[in-house]
């Protein structure tokens, strides 16, 4: 899985956001506010990856166990799927 083309992530005044400048932007007209963890794994999704790779990167970067990282990653990915930001 990976982010669809046209998804732009940026930091604005200390807040991380993701917006769609591509084709689905016509359907989803808004932006997602991201916490630092979500901004980290959304960056991982800029390249083809999977949940296990995201979990491994999160446990390496943060002081978190694999189960907690997996739950967080799955929740974040589901949110991105729900607005059409993920290519499977």
N, C-alpha and C. Protein backbone atom coordinates (compact mmCIF):
# COMPACT_ATOMS: atom_id res chain seq x y z
N UNK A 1 0.85 -1.18 0.00
CA UNK A 1 0.00 0.00 0.00
C UNK A 1 0.88 1.23 0.00
N UNK A 2 0.33 2.33 -0.49
CA UNK A 2 1.04 3.60 -0.47
C UNK A 2 0.04 4.74 -0.65
N UNK A 3 0.50 5.95 -0.39
CA UNK A 3 -0.35 7.12 -0.62
C UNK A 3 -0.64 7.27 -2.10
N UNK A 4 -1.83 7.70 -2.40
CA UNK A 4 -2.18 7.99 -3.79
C UNK A 4 -1.40 9.21 -4.26
N UNK A 5 -1.16 9.26 -5.55
CA UNK A 5 -0.52 10.43 -6.14
C UNK A 5 -1.36 11.67 -5.86
N UNK A 6 -0.70 12.77 -5.61
CA UNK A 6 -1.41 14.03 -5.38
C UNK A 6 -1.64 14.36 -3.92
N UNK A 7 -1.30 13.45 -3.00
CA UNK A 7 -1.45 13.74 -1.58
C UNK A 7 -0.24 14.55 -1.14
N UNK A 8 -0.49 15.70 -0.57
CA UNK A 8 0.58 16.59 -0.12
C UNK A 8 0.54 16.65 1.40
N UNK A 9 1.70 16.47 2.01
CA UNK A 9 1.80 16.62 3.47
C UNK A 9 2.73 17.78 3.76
N UNK A 10 2.37 18.54 4.78
CA UNK A 10 3.18 19.69 5.14
C UNK A 10 2.96 20.04 6.60
N UNK A 11 3.83 20.89 7.10
CA UNK A 11 3.69 21.41 8.46
C UNK A 11 3.31 22.89 8.33
N UNK A 12 2.23 23.26 9.01
CA UNK A 12 1.75 24.63 8.98
C UNK A 12 1.62 25.12 10.42
N UNK A 13 2.43 26.09 10.78
CA UNK A 13 2.40 26.64 12.14
C UNK A 13 2.49 25.56 13.21
N UNK A 14 3.38 24.59 13.01
CA UNK A 14 3.57 23.53 13.99
C UNK A 14 2.55 22.41 13.92
N UNK A 15 1.59 22.50 13.00
CA UNK A 15 0.58 21.47 12.80
C UNK A 15 0.88 20.73 11.51
N UNK A 16 0.78 19.41 11.53
CA UNK A 16 0.98 18.61 10.34
C UNK A 16 -0.37 18.35 9.68
N UNK A 17 -0.42 18.50 8.36
CA UNK A 17 -1.66 18.28 7.62
C UNK A 17 -1.38 17.51 6.33
N UNK A 18 -2.42 16.83 5.85
CA UNK A 18 -2.38 16.15 4.56
C UNK A 18 -3.58 16.63 3.76
N UNK A 19 -3.33 17.01 2.52
CA UNK A 19 -4.40 17.45 1.62
C UNK A 19 -4.24 16.74 0.29
N UNK A 20 -5.32 16.65 -0.43
CA UNK A 20 -5.29 16.00 -1.74
C UNK A 20 -5.35 17.04 -2.84
N UNK A 21 -4.30 17.10 -3.63
CA UNK A 21 -4.27 18.00 -4.78
C UNK A 21 -4.50 17.23 -6.07
N UNK A 22 -4.82 15.94 -5.95
CA UNK A 22 -5.02 15.09 -7.11
C UNK A 22 -6.49 14.91 -7.45
N UNK A 23 -6.77 13.85 -8.17
CA UNK A 23 -8.11 13.59 -8.68
C UNK A 23 -9.15 13.39 -7.58
N UNK A 24 -8.78 12.69 -6.48
CA UNK A 24 -9.80 12.47 -5.45
C UNK A 24 -10.11 13.74 -4.67
N UNK A 25 -9.31 14.78 -4.85
CA UNK A 25 -9.58 16.05 -4.19
C UNK A 25 -10.94 16.60 -4.56
N UNK A 26 -11.46 16.17 -5.68
CA UNK A 26 -12.80 16.60 -6.08
C UNK A 26 -13.86 15.94 -5.22
N UNK A 27 -13.53 14.75 -4.66
CA UNK A 27 -14.48 14.04 -3.79
C UNK A 27 -14.26 14.41 -2.33
N UNK A 28 -13.01 14.45 -1.91
CA UNK A 28 -12.66 14.80 -0.53
C UNK A 28 -12.11 16.21 -0.53
N UNK A 29 -12.94 17.16 -0.12
CA UNK A 29 -12.58 18.56 -0.17
C UNK A 29 -12.25 19.04 1.23
N UNK A 30 -11.04 18.73 1.67
CA UNK A 30 -10.64 19.14 3.00
C UNK A 30 -9.21 18.73 3.27
N UNK A 31 -8.85 18.75 4.54
CA UNK A 31 -7.51 18.33 4.93
C UNK A 31 -7.60 17.50 6.19
N UNK A 32 -6.61 16.64 6.36
CA UNK A 32 -6.50 15.85 7.58
C UNK A 32 -5.44 16.47 8.46
N UNK A 33 -5.78 16.70 9.71
CA UNK A 33 -4.81 17.18 10.69
C UNK A 33 -4.13 15.95 11.27
N UNK A 34 -2.80 15.96 11.30
CA UNK A 34 -2.03 14.80 11.74
C UNK A 34 -1.23 15.14 13.00
N UNK A 35 -1.14 14.16 13.91
CA UNK A 35 -0.20 14.33 15.01
C UNK A 35 1.18 13.93 14.50
N UNK A 36 2.22 14.09 15.33
CA UNK A 36 3.58 13.80 14.87
C UNK A 36 3.76 12.34 14.46
N UNK A 37 3.11 11.43 15.18
CA UNK A 37 3.22 10.01 14.84
C UNK A 37 2.57 9.74 13.50
N UNK A 38 1.38 10.28 13.28
CA UNK A 38 0.69 10.10 12.00
C UNK A 38 1.50 10.72 10.87
N UNK A 39 2.09 11.87 11.10
CA UNK A 39 2.92 12.50 10.08
C UNK A 39 4.12 11.62 9.74
N UNK A 40 4.68 10.94 10.76
CA UNK A 40 5.80 10.04 10.53
C UNK A 40 5.39 8.87 9.66
N UNK A 41 4.28 8.20 10.00
CA UNK A 41 3.95 7.03 9.19
C UNK A 41 3.31 7.38 7.86
N UNK A 42 2.72 8.56 7.73
CA UNK A 42 2.23 8.95 6.41
C UNK A 42 3.41 9.19 5.47
N UNK A 43 4.54 9.65 6.02
CA UNK A 43 5.75 9.78 5.21
C UNK A 43 6.23 8.41 4.74
N UNK A 44 6.08 7.39 5.59
CA UNK A 44 6.45 6.03 5.20
C UNK A 44 5.58 5.55 4.04
N UNK A 45 4.34 6.02 3.99
CA UNK A 45 3.40 5.60 2.95
C UNK A 45 3.65 6.29 1.61
N UNK A 46 4.60 7.18 1.56
CA UNK A 46 4.94 7.81 0.28
C UNK A 46 5.61 6.81 -0.66
N UNK A 47 6.10 5.72 -0.08
CA UNK A 47 6.66 4.61 -0.84
C UNK A 47 5.86 3.36 -0.51
N UNK A 48 5.88 2.39 -1.39
CA UNK A 48 5.16 1.13 -1.16
C UNK A 48 5.63 0.53 0.16
N UNK A 49 4.68 0.16 1.03
CA UNK A 49 5.00 -0.41 2.34
C UNK A 49 3.85 -1.27 2.82
N UNK A 50 3.99 -1.83 4.00
CA UNK A 50 2.92 -2.60 4.61
C UNK A 50 2.89 -2.30 6.11
N UNK A 51 1.87 -2.81 6.78
CA UNK A 51 1.70 -2.54 8.22
C UNK A 51 2.92 -3.00 9.01
N UNK A 52 3.45 -4.18 8.71
CA UNK A 52 4.59 -4.69 9.46
C UNK A 52 5.80 -3.76 9.35
N UNK A 53 6.04 -3.20 8.18
CA UNK A 53 7.15 -2.26 8.00
C UNK A 53 6.91 -0.96 8.75
N UNK A 54 5.67 -0.50 8.76
CA UNK A 54 5.33 0.71 9.50
C UNK A 54 5.54 0.47 10.99
N UNK A 55 5.07 -0.67 11.49
CA UNK A 55 5.23 -1.02 12.90
C UNK A 55 6.71 -1.07 13.27
N UNK A 56 7.52 -1.71 12.44
CA UNK A 56 8.96 -1.81 12.71
C UNK A 56 9.59 -0.42 12.79
N UNK A 57 9.23 0.46 11.87
CA UNK A 57 9.77 1.83 11.87
C UNK A 57 9.31 2.60 13.10
N UNK A 58 8.05 2.41 13.49
CA UNK A 58 7.53 3.12 14.67
C UNK A 58 8.19 2.65 15.95
N UNK A 59 8.40 1.34 16.09
CA UNK A 59 9.04 0.84 17.32
C UNK A 59 10.51 1.24 17.38
N UNK A 60 11.11 1.44 16.22
CA UNK A 60 12.50 1.90 16.20
C UNK A 60 12.61 3.37 16.58
N UNK A 61 11.67 4.18 16.09
CA UNK A 61 11.72 5.62 16.33
C UNK A 61 11.16 6.03 17.70
N UNK A 62 10.10 5.36 18.13
CA UNK A 62 9.42 5.75 19.36
C UNK A 62 9.58 4.67 20.43
N UNK A 63 9.40 5.07 21.67
CA UNK A 63 9.43 4.13 22.79
C UNK A 63 8.04 3.51 22.92
N UNK A 64 7.76 2.53 22.05
CA UNK A 64 6.44 1.92 22.01
C UNK A 64 6.60 0.44 21.68
N UNK A 65 5.74 -0.39 22.25
CA UNK A 65 5.79 -1.82 21.94
C UNK A 65 5.10 -2.08 20.61
N UNK A 66 5.37 -3.24 20.04
CA UNK A 66 4.87 -3.59 18.71
C UNK A 66 3.35 -3.61 18.64
N UNK A 67 2.69 -4.12 19.69
CA UNK A 67 1.23 -4.19 19.67
C UNK A 67 0.61 -2.80 19.63
N UNK A 68 1.11 -1.90 20.46
CA UNK A 68 0.59 -0.53 20.48
C UNK A 68 0.86 0.16 19.14
N UNK A 69 2.06 -0.03 18.61
CA UNK A 69 2.41 0.56 17.31
C UNK A 69 1.50 0.02 16.21
N UNK A 70 1.22 -1.28 16.24
CA UNK A 70 0.36 -1.87 15.22
C UNK A 70 -1.06 -1.32 15.31
N UNK A 71 -1.58 -1.20 16.52
CA UNK A 71 -2.93 -0.66 16.69
C UNK A 71 -2.99 0.78 16.18
N UNK A 72 -1.98 1.57 16.49
CA UNK A 72 -1.94 2.96 16.05
C UNK A 72 -1.82 3.04 14.53
N UNK A 73 -0.95 2.23 13.95
CA UNK A 73 -0.77 2.24 12.50
C UNK A 73 -2.04 1.80 11.78
N UNK A 74 -2.68 0.74 12.28
CA UNK A 74 -3.92 0.26 11.64
C UNK A 74 -5.01 1.31 11.71
N UNK A 75 -5.11 1.99 12.83
CA UNK A 75 -6.13 3.04 12.97
C UNK A 75 -5.84 4.19 12.00
N UNK A 76 -4.58 4.59 11.91
CA UNK A 76 -4.22 5.67 11.00
C UNK A 76 -4.43 5.31 9.55
N UNK A 77 -4.04 4.11 9.18
CA UNK A 77 -4.23 3.66 7.80
C UNK A 77 -5.72 3.57 7.46
N UNK A 78 -6.52 3.11 8.40
CA UNK A 78 -7.96 3.03 8.16
C UNK A 78 -8.55 4.42 7.93
N UNK A 79 -8.08 5.40 8.69
CA UNK A 79 -8.54 6.78 8.49
C UNK A 79 -8.17 7.26 7.09
N UNK A 80 -6.94 6.98 6.68
CA UNK A 80 -6.50 7.38 5.33
C UNK A 80 -7.28 6.65 4.25
N UNK A 81 -7.59 5.39 4.48
CA UNK A 81 -8.42 4.63 3.52
C UNK A 81 -9.81 5.24 3.41
N UNK A 82 -10.38 5.63 4.56
CA UNK A 82 -11.76 6.12 4.57
C UNK A 82 -11.94 7.38 3.73
N UNK A 83 -10.87 8.16 3.56
CA UNK A 83 -10.97 9.36 2.73
C UNK A 83 -10.34 9.16 1.35
N UNK A 84 -9.92 7.92 1.08
CA UNK A 84 -9.42 7.59 -0.26
C UNK A 84 -7.99 7.97 -0.51
N UNK A 85 -7.17 8.11 0.53
CA UNK A 85 -5.77 8.51 0.37
C UNK A 85 -4.82 7.35 0.10
N UNK A 86 -5.29 6.10 0.17
CA UNK A 86 -4.41 4.93 0.07
C UNK A 86 -4.66 4.17 -1.22
N UNK A 87 -3.58 3.81 -1.90
CA UNK A 87 -3.61 2.86 -3.01
C UNK A 87 -3.24 1.50 -2.45
N UNK A 88 -4.04 0.51 -2.73
CA UNK A 88 -3.76 -0.85 -2.23
C UNK A 88 -2.95 -1.62 -3.22
